[in-house]
Amino acid sequence: MEEIAVDHTHAFSRKTVWLHWLVAVVMLPMLAIGIYMSLAEAYGLYDIHKSIGLLALPLLAARAAWRLRQGWPRPLGRYRASERWLAKAIHWCLLLGTLALPLSGMLYSAASGHGFGIFGVTLVPANQDPSDPDAVIPYSQLLSVLGETAHEWVGYGLVVILLLHVAGALKHHLVDRDGTLRRMLGRHV
């Protein structure tokens, strides 16, 4: 079969399929690790989490740019206006949420004085407290709280949105039998 360069109603380009699944492979474990870290206070994982989040940002931006350039996929069946609206809202939340999550994490980490980097290469240095080598001083308490709150809300929100996204994909596949899931697997429908 001839490779298509752009998305069509009955087939997605290889680029669309790969970007979709690469983002899923990065985001799902990062969300799980983030929730585990916050609940278990597993501070030893924070540097790895930050590093992967920073490295994922260009991929997430590429996915968003590609989706905006391609436009939203056309549904393969006839659906009520409310279903079409819900699908579009969920896709927008996924697109914006996957960008907001690492950006809010960077804001939180930097403003709180903890800094961040990529696997030991410092990008924003920690603001060490001169009187206590184990403590940091926030660069901005307001931005730190804003970043932390946004990172937490967006993270948990993305979990809910992802569950709705998966439920929708399964509905398309098992109930509607319209080929939507096969299309995202790179097959022509």
N, C-alpha and C. Protein backbone atom coordinates (compact mmCIF):
# COMPACT_ATOMS: atom_id res chain seq x y z
N MET A 1 0.84 -1.18 0.00
CA MET A 1 0.00 0.00 0.00
C MET A 1 0.88 1.24 0.00
N GLU A 2 0.49 2.24 -0.74
CA GLU A 2 1.25 3.48 -0.86
C GLU A 2 1.15 4.29 0.43
N GLU A 3 2.27 4.83 0.87
CA GLU A 3 2.30 5.63 2.09
C GLU A 3 1.66 6.99 1.84
N ILE A 4 0.73 7.38 2.72
CA ILE A 4 0.13 8.70 2.59
C ILE A 4 0.89 9.68 3.46
N ALA A 5 0.99 10.93 2.99
CA ALA A 5 1.75 11.94 3.72
C ALA A 5 0.86 12.76 4.65
N VAL A 6 -0.43 12.75 4.39
CA VAL A 6 -1.37 13.50 5.21
C VAL A 6 -2.51 12.58 5.62
N ASP A 7 -3.26 13.02 6.62
CA ASP A 7 -4.38 12.22 7.10
C ASP A 7 -5.58 12.36 6.16
N HIS A 8 -6.27 11.25 5.99
CA HIS A 8 -7.51 11.22 5.22
C HIS A 8 -8.57 10.59 6.11
N THR A 9 -9.81 10.67 5.68
CA THR A 9 -10.90 10.11 6.47
C THR A 9 -10.68 8.63 6.77
N HIS A 10 -10.20 7.89 5.78
CA HIS A 10 -10.10 6.44 5.95
C HIS A 10 -8.70 5.93 6.26
N ALA A 11 -7.73 6.83 6.37
CA ALA A 11 -6.36 6.40 6.70
C ALA A 11 -5.58 7.56 7.30
N PHE A 12 -4.79 7.25 8.31
CA PHE A 12 -3.88 8.24 8.89
C PHE A 12 -2.48 8.01 8.34
N SER A 13 -1.73 9.08 8.24
CA SER A 13 -0.34 8.96 7.80
C SER A 13 0.47 8.21 8.86
N ARG A 14 1.57 7.68 8.43
CA ARG A 14 2.46 6.97 9.35
C ARG A 14 2.93 7.93 10.46
N LYS A 15 3.17 9.17 10.10
CA LYS A 15 3.61 10.18 11.08
C LYS A 15 2.56 10.38 12.17
N THR A 16 1.31 10.48 11.78
CA THR A 16 0.22 10.65 12.76
C THR A 16 0.17 9.46 13.70
N VAL A 17 0.22 8.27 13.15
CA VAL A 17 0.13 7.05 13.96
C VAL A 17 1.32 6.97 14.92
N TRP A 18 2.53 7.20 14.42
CA TRP A 18 3.71 7.12 15.26
C TRP A 18 3.70 8.18 16.36
N LEU A 19 3.36 9.41 16.02
CA LEU A 19 3.32 10.46 17.04
C LEU A 19 2.29 10.14 18.12
N HIS A 20 1.13 9.65 17.71
CA HIS A 20 0.10 9.30 18.67
C HIS A 20 0.60 8.25 19.67
N TRP A 21 1.18 7.17 19.15
CA TRP A 21 1.58 6.06 20.02
C TRP A 21 2.85 6.38 20.81
N LEU A 22 3.75 7.17 20.26
CA LEU A 22 4.94 7.59 21.02
C LEU A 22 4.54 8.45 22.21
N VAL A 23 3.60 9.37 21.98
CA VAL A 23 3.12 10.19 23.09
C VAL A 23 2.46 9.31 24.14
N ALA A 24 1.68 8.33 23.72
CA ALA A 24 1.04 7.41 24.68
C ALA A 24 2.09 6.65 25.48
N VAL A 25 3.13 6.16 24.81
CA VAL A 25 4.18 5.37 25.47
C VAL A 25 4.96 6.23 26.48
N VAL A 26 5.06 7.51 26.22
CA VAL A 26 5.75 8.41 27.16
C VAL A 26 4.82 8.85 28.28
N MET A 27 3.61 9.28 27.92
CA MET A 27 2.73 9.89 28.90
C MET A 27 2.15 8.91 29.92
N LEU A 28 1.77 7.74 29.50
CA LEU A 28 1.16 6.80 30.44
C LEU A 28 2.09 6.45 31.60
N PRO A 29 3.33 6.03 31.33
CA PRO A 29 4.22 5.76 32.47
C PRO A 29 4.56 7.00 33.28
N MET A 30 4.69 8.15 32.61
CA MET A 30 5.00 9.38 33.35
C MET A 30 3.86 9.76 34.30
N LEU A 31 2.63 9.59 33.86
CA LEU A 31 1.50 9.86 34.75
C LEU A 31 1.50 8.88 35.92
N ALA A 32 1.72 7.61 35.64
CA ALA A 32 1.74 6.61 36.70
C ALA A 32 2.87 6.88 37.70
N ILE A 33 4.04 7.19 37.19
CA ILE A 33 5.19 7.49 38.07
C ILE A 33 4.93 8.76 38.87
N GLY A 34 4.36 9.77 38.22
CA GLY A 34 4.07 11.02 38.92
C GLY A 34 3.10 10.81 40.07
N ILE A 35 2.07 10.02 39.84
CA ILE A 35 1.11 9.74 40.91
C ILE A 35 1.78 8.94 42.02
N TYR A 36 2.56 7.95 41.64
CA TYR A 36 3.28 7.15 42.65
C TYR A 36 4.22 8.04 43.47
N MET A 37 4.99 8.90 42.80
CA MET A 37 5.95 9.76 43.50
C MET A 37 5.24 10.65 44.52
N SER A 38 4.10 11.22 44.12
CA SER A 38 3.42 12.14 45.03
C SER A 38 2.79 11.40 46.20
N LEU A 39 2.27 10.21 45.96
CA LEU A 39 1.62 9.46 47.05
C LEU A 39 2.65 8.81 47.98
N ALA A 40 3.73 8.28 47.41
CA ALA A 40 4.73 7.56 48.20
C ALA A 40 5.89 8.45 48.65
N GLU A 41 5.86 9.72 48.22
CA GLU A 41 6.96 10.65 48.50
C GLU A 41 8.30 10.03 48.09
N ALA A 42 8.32 9.47 46.90
CA ALA A 42 9.51 8.80 46.35
C ALA A 42 10.41 9.84 45.70
N TYR A 43 11.11 10.59 46.53
CA TYR A 43 11.93 11.71 46.06
C TYR A 43 13.06 11.27 45.13
N GLY A 44 13.51 10.05 45.25
CA GLY A 44 14.59 9.57 44.40
C GLY A 44 14.22 9.48 42.92
N LEU A 45 12.94 9.48 42.62
CA LEU A 45 12.50 9.39 41.22
C LEU A 45 12.32 10.76 40.56
N TYR A 46 12.37 11.83 41.35
CA TYR A 46 12.06 13.16 40.80
C TYR A 46 13.00 13.57 39.68
N ASP A 47 14.29 13.37 39.83
CA ASP A 47 15.23 13.78 38.77
C ASP A 47 15.00 13.01 37.47
N ILE A 48 14.69 11.73 37.58
CA ILE A 48 14.39 10.93 36.38
C ILE A 48 13.09 11.42 35.75
N HIS A 49 12.08 11.66 36.57
CA HIS A 49 10.78 12.15 36.10
C HIS A 49 10.94 13.49 35.38
N LYS A 50 11.71 14.39 35.98
CA LYS A 50 11.93 15.70 35.36
C LYS A 50 12.70 15.55 34.05
N SER A 51 13.70 14.71 34.03
CA SER A 51 14.51 14.53 32.83
C SER A 51 13.67 13.99 31.67
N ILE A 52 12.89 12.97 31.94
CA ILE A 52 12.05 12.39 30.89
C ILE A 52 11.00 13.40 30.43
N GLY A 53 10.43 14.14 31.38
CA GLY A 53 9.45 15.17 31.02
C GLY A 53 10.04 16.23 30.11
N LEU A 54 11.27 16.65 30.40
CA LEU A 54 11.93 17.65 29.56
C LEU A 54 12.25 17.08 28.18
N LEU A 55 12.72 15.86 28.14
CA LEU A 55 13.04 15.23 26.85
C LEU A 55 11.77 14.98 26.03
N ALA A 56 10.65 14.76 26.70
CA ALA A 56 9.39 14.50 26.00
C ALA A 56 8.78 15.76 25.40
N LEU A 57 9.13 16.91 25.94
CA LEU A 57 8.49 18.15 25.50
C LEU A 57 8.58 18.39 23.99
N PRO A 58 9.73 18.21 23.35
CA PRO A 58 9.75 18.39 21.89
C PRO A 58 8.83 17.41 21.15
N LEU A 59 8.74 16.18 21.62
CA LEU A 59 7.83 15.20 21.02
C LEU A 59 6.39 15.66 21.18
N LEU A 60 6.04 16.13 22.37
CA LEU A 60 4.68 16.59 22.63
C LEU A 60 4.35 17.80 21.78
N ALA A 61 5.31 18.71 21.62
CA ALA A 61 5.10 19.89 20.78
C ALA A 61 4.95 19.49 19.32
N ALA A 62 5.75 18.53 18.87
CA ALA A 62 5.65 18.06 17.49
C ALA A 62 4.29 17.42 17.25
N ARG A 63 3.82 16.63 18.19
CA ARG A 63 2.50 16.00 18.07
C ARG A 63 1.41 17.05 17.97
N ALA A 64 1.47 18.08 18.84
CA ALA A 64 0.47 19.14 18.81
C ALA A 64 0.51 19.91 17.50
N ALA A 65 1.71 20.27 17.06
CA ALA A 65 1.85 21.01 15.80
C ALA A 65 1.33 20.19 14.62
N TRP A 66 1.65 18.91 14.60
CA TRP A 66 1.20 18.04 13.52
C TRP A 66 -0.32 17.93 13.50
N ARG A 67 -0.91 17.75 14.68
CA ARG A 67 -2.37 17.62 14.76
C ARG A 67 -3.03 18.92 14.31
N LEU A 68 -2.50 20.06 14.73
CA LEU A 68 -3.09 21.33 14.33
C LEU A 68 -2.94 21.56 12.82
N ARG A 69 -1.82 21.13 12.29
CA ARG A 69 -1.59 21.26 10.84
C ARG A 69 -2.53 20.35 10.05
N GLN A 70 -2.73 19.14 10.53
CA GLN A 70 -3.58 18.16 9.85
C GLN A 70 -5.07 18.44 10.06
N GLY A 71 -5.40 19.11 11.16
CA GLY A 71 -6.80 19.28 11.53
C GLY A 71 -7.29 18.03 12.27
N TRP A 72 -8.50 18.12 12.76
CA TRP A 72 -9.06 17.00 13.51
C TRP A 72 -9.59 15.96 12.54
N PRO A 73 -9.42 14.69 12.86
CA PRO A 73 -9.91 13.64 11.95
C PRO A 73 -11.43 13.66 11.85
N ARG A 74 -11.90 13.34 10.68
CA ARG A 74 -13.35 13.24 10.47
C ARG A 74 -13.84 11.92 11.05
N PRO A 75 -15.02 11.95 11.67
CA PRO A 75 -15.57 10.70 12.18
C PRO A 75 -15.92 9.76 11.03
N LEU A 76 -15.82 8.48 11.32
CA LEU A 76 -16.11 7.47 10.29
C LEU A 76 -17.59 7.10 10.24
N GLY A 77 -18.34 7.55 11.19
CA GLY A 77 -19.77 7.25 11.21
C GLY A 77 -20.56 8.52 11.46
N ARG A 78 -21.87 8.36 11.53
CA ARG A 78 -22.75 9.49 11.84
C ARG A 78 -23.02 9.47 13.34
N TYR A 79 -22.72 10.59 13.97
CA TYR A 79 -22.89 10.68 15.42
C TYR A 79 -23.66 11.94 15.77
N ARG A 80 -24.28 11.90 16.93
CA ARG A 80 -25.01 13.08 17.42
C ARG A 80 -24.03 14.23 17.61
N ALA A 81 -24.54 15.43 17.55
CA ALA A 81 -23.72 16.63 17.74
C ALA A 81 -23.03 16.59 19.11
N SER A 82 -23.70 16.09 20.12
CA SER A 82 -23.12 16.03 21.46
C SER A 82 -21.91 15.09 21.50
N GLU A 83 -21.99 13.98 20.78
CA GLU A 83 -20.85 13.05 20.72
C GLU A 83 -19.67 13.67 19.97
N ARG A 84 -19.96 14.36 18.88
CA ARG A 84 -18.88 15.02 18.13
C ARG A 84 -18.23 16.10 18.97
N TRP A 85 -19.06 16.87 19.72
CA TRP A 85 -18.53 17.92 20.58
C TRP A 85 -17.65 17.30 21.68
N LEU A 86 -18.13 16.24 22.30
CA LEU A 86 -17.37 15.58 23.37
C LEU A 86 -16.04 15.05 22.85
N ALA A 87 -16.05 14.43 21.68
CA ALA A 87 -14.81 13.90 21.10
C ALA A 87 -13.82 15.03 20.85
N LYS A 88 -14.29 16.13 20.30
CA LYS A 88 -13.40 17.26 20.02
C LYS A 88 -12.86 17.86 21.32
N ALA A 89 -13.72 17.99 22.33
CA ALA A 89 -13.28 18.53 23.63
C ALA A 89 -12.22 17.63 24.26
N ILE A 90 -12.42 16.32 24.21
CA ILE A 90 -11.45 15.38 24.78
C ILE A 90 -10.13 15.47 24.02
N HIS A 91 -10.17 15.56 22.70
CA HIS A 91 -8.93 15.67 21.93
C HIS A 91 -8.20 16.98 22.22
N TRP A 92 -8.94 18.08 22.36
CA TRP A 92 -8.30 19.35 22.72
C TRP A 92 -7.67 19.26 24.12
N CYS A 93 -8.38 18.65 25.06
CA CYS A 93 -7.83 18.50 26.43
C CYS A 93 -6.57 17.65 26.42
N LEU A 94 -6.57 16.59 25.62
CA LEU A 94 -5.37 15.75 25.52
C LEU A 94 -4.20 16.55 24.94
N LEU A 95 -4.47 17.27 23.88
CA LEU A 95 -3.41 18.04 23.21
C LEU A 95 -2.85 19.11 24.13
N LEU A 96 -3.72 19.90 24.73
CA LEU A 96 -3.26 20.98 25.61
C LEU A 96 -2.70 20.45 26.92
N GLY A 97 -3.31 19.40 27.45
CA GLY A 97 -2.85 18.83 28.71
C GLY A 97 -1.46 18.23 28.62
N THR A 98 -1.18 17.55 27.50
CA THR A 98 0.15 16.95 27.37
C THR A 98 1.24 18.02 27.24
N LEU A 99 0.88 19.21 26.79
CA LEU A 99 1.85 20.31 26.76
C LEU A 99 1.92 21.01 28.12
N ALA A 100 0.76 21.21 28.74
CA ALA A 100 0.71 21.93 30.01
C ALA A 100 1.39 21.16 31.14
N LEU A 101 1.35 19.84 31.08
CA LEU A 101 1.91 19.05 32.17
C LEU A 101 3.42 19.26 32.33
N PRO A 102 4.24 19.08 31.30
CA PRO A 102 5.68 19.33 31.51
C PRO A 102 6.00 20.81 31.75
N LEU A 103 5.25 21.70 31.11
CA LEU A 103 5.51 23.13 31.32
C LEU A 103 5.19 23.55 32.75
N SER A 104 4.09 23.06 33.30
CA SER A 104 3.77 23.39 34.69
C SER A 104 4.76 22.73 35.65
N GLY A 105 5.24 21.54 35.30
CA GLY A 105 6.26 20.89 36.13
C GLY A 105 7.56 21.68 36.13
N MET A 106 7.93 22.22 34.98
CA MET A 106 9.14 23.06 34.90
C MET A 106 8.96 24.32 35.73
N LEU A 107 7.79 24.95 35.62
CA LEU A 107 7.52 26.16 36.40
C LEU A 107 7.60 25.86 37.89
N TYR A 108 6.97 24.79 38.31
CA TYR A 108 6.98 24.40 39.72
C TYR A 108 8.40 24.14 40.21
N SER A 109 9.12 23.33 39.49
CA SER A 109 10.47 22.96 39.92
C SER A 109 11.41 24.15 39.95
N ALA A 110 11.34 24.99 38.93
CA ALA A 110 12.22 26.16 38.88
C ALA A 110 11.84 27.18 39.94
N ALA A 111 10.57 27.55 40.00
CA ALA A 111 10.14 28.60 40.94
C ALA A 111 10.29 28.17 42.39
N SER A 112 10.16 26.88 42.66
CA SER A 112 10.29 26.40 44.05
C SER A 112 11.73 26.41 44.54
N GLY A 113 12.67 26.65 43.62
CA GLY A 113 14.08 26.67 43.99
C GLY A 113 14.77 25.34 43.82
N HIS A 114 14.06 24.32 43.37
CA HIS A 114 14.67 22.99 43.20
C HIS A 114 15.45 22.88 41.89
N GLY A 115 15.11 23.71 40.92
CA GLY A 115 15.79 23.66 39.64
C GLY A 115 15.46 22.38 38.89
N PHE A 116 16.05 22.25 37.71
CA PHE A 116 15.85 21.03 36.93
C PHE A 116 16.92 20.91 35.87
N GLY A 117 17.05 19.71 35.36
CA GLY A 117 18.01 19.42 34.32
C GLY A 117 17.65 18.13 33.63
N ILE A 118 18.56 17.69 32.77
CA ILE A 118 18.34 16.45 32.04
C ILE A 118 19.47 15.48 32.40
N PHE A 119 19.14 14.49 33.19
CA PHE A 119 20.08 13.45 33.61
C PHE A 119 21.42 14.02 34.04
N GLY A 120 21.36 14.95 35.00
CA GLY A 120 22.56 15.52 35.60
C GLY A 120 23.08 16.78 34.94
N VAL A 121 22.59 17.14 33.77
CA VAL A 121 22.99 18.39 33.12
C VAL A 121 22.00 19.47 33.56
N THR A 122 22.48 20.41 34.36
CA THR A 122 21.62 21.43 34.95
C THR A 122 21.18 22.44 33.90
N LEU A 123 19.87 22.67 33.83
CA LEU A 123 19.32 23.70 32.97
C LEU A 123 18.90 24.92 33.78
N VAL A 124 18.26 24.68 34.93
CA VAL A 124 17.92 25.73 35.89
C VAL A 124 18.48 25.28 37.23
N PRO A 125 19.44 26.04 37.76
CA PRO A 125 20.08 25.58 39.00
C PRO A 125 19.16 25.69 40.22
N ALA A 126 19.42 24.84 41.18
CA ALA A 126 18.72 24.92 42.46
C ALA A 126 19.17 26.18 43.17
N ASN A 127 18.30 26.73 43.98
CA ASN A 127 18.60 27.93 44.77
C ASN A 127 18.86 27.50 46.21
N GLN A 128 20.06 26.99 46.43
CA GLN A 128 20.42 26.43 47.73
C GLN A 128 20.36 27.49 48.83
N ASP A 129 19.88 27.07 49.98
CA ASP A 129 19.88 27.92 51.17
C ASP A 129 21.28 27.90 51.75
N PRO A 130 21.97 29.05 51.84
CA PRO A 130 23.35 29.07 52.34
C PRO A 130 23.49 28.58 53.79
N SER A 131 22.41 28.70 54.57
CA SER A 131 22.49 28.28 55.96
C SER A 131 22.12 26.82 56.17
N ASP A 132 21.55 26.17 55.14
CA ASP A 132 21.15 24.78 55.25
C ASP A 132 21.37 24.10 53.89
N PRO A 133 22.44 23.31 53.75
CA PRO A 133 22.75 22.70 52.44
C PRO A 133 21.70 21.71 51.93
N ASP A 134 20.79 21.28 52.80
CA ASP A 134 19.73 20.36 52.38
C ASP A 134 18.44 21.07 52.00
N ALA A 135 18.44 22.39 52.05
CA ALA A 135 17.22 23.16 51.78
C ALA A 135 17.43 24.09 50.59
N VAL A 136 16.32 24.45 49.96
CA VAL A 136 16.35 25.41 48.86
C VAL A 136 15.45 26.59 49.22
N ILE A 137 15.70 27.70 48.57
CA ILE A 137 14.88 28.90 48.74
C ILE A 137 14.11 29.11 47.43
N PRO A 138 12.80 29.24 47.52
CA PRO A 138 12.03 29.46 46.29
C PRO A 138 12.45 30.77 45.62
N TYR A 139 12.50 30.72 44.29
CA TYR A 139 12.72 31.95 43.52
C TYR A 139 11.46 32.80 43.57
N SER A 140 10.30 32.13 43.54
CA SER A 140 9.00 32.81 43.62
C SER A 140 8.00 31.86 44.25
N GLN A 141 7.55 32.21 45.45
CA GLN A 141 6.58 31.37 46.15
C GLN A 141 5.26 31.31 45.37
N LEU A 142 4.84 32.44 44.81
CA LEU A 142 3.59 32.49 44.06
C LEU A 142 3.65 31.59 42.83
N LEU A 143 4.72 31.70 42.04
CA LEU A 143 4.85 30.87 40.85
C LEU A 143 5.04 29.39 41.20
N SER A 144 5.70 29.14 42.33
CA SER A 144 5.86 27.76 42.77
C SER A 144 4.52 27.13 43.07
N VAL A 145 3.68 27.82 43.82
CA VAL A 145 2.35 27.31 44.15
C VAL A 145 1.49 27.18 42.89
N LEU A 146 1.57 28.16 42.01
CA LEU A 146 0.84 28.10 40.75
C LEU A 146 1.28 26.89 39.92
N GLY A 147 2.59 26.69 39.79
CA GLY A 147 3.12 25.56 39.03
C GLY A 147 2.74 24.22 39.65
N GLU A 148 2.87 24.13 40.97
CA GLU A 148 2.53 22.88 41.66
C GLU A 148 1.05 22.54 41.50
N THR A 149 0.20 23.54 41.70
CA THR A 149 -1.24 23.32 41.59
C THR A 149 -1.62 22.92 40.16
N ALA A 150 -1.07 23.65 39.19
CA ALA A 150 -1.37 23.33 37.78
C ALA A 150 -0.88 21.93 37.43
N HIS A 151 0.33 21.58 37.86
CA HIS A 151 0.90 20.27 37.54
C HIS A 151 0.03 19.15 38.12
N GLU A 152 -0.42 19.33 39.34
CA GLU A 152 -1.25 18.32 39.98
C GLU A 152 -2.61 18.21 39.30
N TRP A 153 -3.27 19.33 39.09
CA TRP A 153 -4.61 19.32 38.49
C TRP A 153 -4.57 18.81 37.05
N VAL A 154 -3.59 19.27 36.28
CA VAL A 154 -3.49 18.81 34.89
C VAL A 154 -3.17 17.31 34.86
N GLY A 155 -2.29 16.86 35.74
CA GLY A 155 -1.94 15.44 35.78
C GLY A 155 -3.14 14.55 36.06
N TYR A 156 -3.88 14.87 37.12
CA TYR A 156 -5.06 14.06 37.45
C TYR A 156 -6.15 14.24 36.39
N GLY A 157 -6.27 15.45 35.86
CA GLY A 157 -7.24 15.70 34.78
C GLY A 157 -6.93 14.87 33.55
N LEU A 158 -5.63 14.76 33.21
CA LEU A 158 -5.24 13.95 32.06
C LEU A 158 -5.57 12.48 32.26
N VAL A 159 -5.45 12.00 33.48
CA VAL A 159 -5.82 10.60 33.75
C VAL A 159 -7.30 10.39 33.42
N VAL A 160 -8.15 11.31 33.86
CA VAL A 160 -9.58 11.21 33.59
C VAL A 160 -9.85 11.30 32.08
N ILE A 161 -9.22 12.26 31.43
CA ILE A 161 -9.41 12.45 29.99
C ILE A 161 -8.92 11.23 29.21
N LEU A 162 -7.79 10.66 29.64
CA LEU A 162 -7.28 9.46 28.97
C LEU A 162 -8.24 8.28 29.13
N LEU A 163 -8.83 8.14 30.30
CA LEU A 163 -9.81 7.07 30.50
C LEU A 163 -11.02 7.27 29.58
N LEU A 164 -11.46 8.52 29.42
CA LEU A 164 -12.56 8.80 28.50
C LEU A 164 -12.15 8.52 27.05
N HIS A 165 -10.91 8.87 26.72
CA HIS A 165 -10.39 8.64 25.37
C HIS A 165 -10.35 7.14 25.05
N VAL A 166 -9.86 6.35 25.97
CA VAL A 166 -9.81 4.90 25.78
C VAL A 166 -11.23 4.33 25.71
N ALA A 167 -12.11 4.82 26.57
CA ALA A 167 -13.50 4.35 26.53
C ALA A 167 -14.13 4.67 25.18
N GLY A 168 -13.85 5.86 24.65
CA GLY A 168 -14.37 6.24 23.35
C GLY A 168 -13.82 5.35 22.24
N ALA A 169 -12.53 5.06 22.31
CA ALA A 169 -11.91 4.20 21.30
C ALA A 169 -12.53 2.80 21.34
N LEU A 170 -12.75 2.29 22.55
CA LEU A 170 -13.37 0.97 22.68
C LEU A 170 -14.82 0.98 22.21
N LYS A 171 -15.54 2.07 22.48
CA LYS A 171 -16.91 2.20 21.99
C LYS A 171 -16.92 2.17 20.45
N HIS A 172 -16.03 2.95 19.84
CA HIS A 172 -15.95 2.95 18.38
C HIS A 172 -15.67 1.54 17.85
N HIS A 173 -14.79 0.83 18.53
CA HIS A 173 -14.36 -0.48 18.04
C HIS A 173 -15.39 -1.58 18.31
N LEU A 174 -15.91 -1.62 19.54
CA LEU A 174 -16.77 -2.74 19.94
C LEU A 174 -18.26 -2.50 19.69
N VAL A 175 -18.70 -1.25 19.83
CA VAL A 175 -20.13 -0.96 19.68
C VAL A 175 -20.44 -0.45 18.28
N ASP A 176 -19.73 0.61 17.86
CA ASP A 176 -20.01 1.22 16.56
C ASP A 176 -19.40 0.43 15.40
N ARG A 177 -18.31 -0.27 15.70
CA ARG A 177 -17.59 -1.05 14.68
C ARG A 177 -17.30 -0.21 13.43
N ASP A 178 -16.79 0.99 13.67
CA ASP A 178 -16.60 1.93 12.56
C ASP A 178 -15.17 2.05 12.04
N GLY A 179 -14.23 1.35 12.61
CA GLY A 179 -12.86 1.38 12.10
C GLY A 179 -11.97 2.46 12.68
N THR A 180 -12.49 3.25 13.63
CA THR A 180 -11.69 4.34 14.20
C THR A 180 -10.40 3.82 14.84
N LEU A 181 -10.50 2.77 15.62
CA LEU A 181 -9.32 2.23 16.28
C LEU A 181 -8.35 1.63 15.25
N ARG A 182 -8.88 0.94 14.27
CA ARG A 182 -8.01 0.38 13.22
C ARG A 182 -7.28 1.49 12.49
N ARG A 183 -7.93 2.61 12.26
CA ARG A 183 -7.30 3.75 11.60
C ARG A 183 -6.12 4.26 12.42
N MET A 184 -6.27 4.31 13.75
CA MET A 184 -5.19 4.79 14.61
C MET A 184 -4.09 3.74 14.76
N LEU A 185 -4.36 2.52 14.37
CA LEU A 185 -3.34 1.49 14.35
C LEU A 185 -2.59 1.46 13.01
N GLY A 186 -2.94 2.39 12.13
CA GLY A 186 -2.24 2.51 10.86
C GLY A 186 -2.85 1.73 9.72
N ARG A 187 -4.05 1.24 9.94
CA ARG A 187 -4.71 0.46 8.89
C ARG A 187 -5.69 1.33 8.11
N HIS A 188 -5.88 1.01 6.86
CA HIS A 188 -6.85 1.69 6.02
C HIS A 188 -8.21 1.09 6.30
N VAL A 189 -9.24 1.94 6.49
CA VAL A 189 -10.60 1.43 6.78
C VAL A 189 -11.57 1.87 5.70
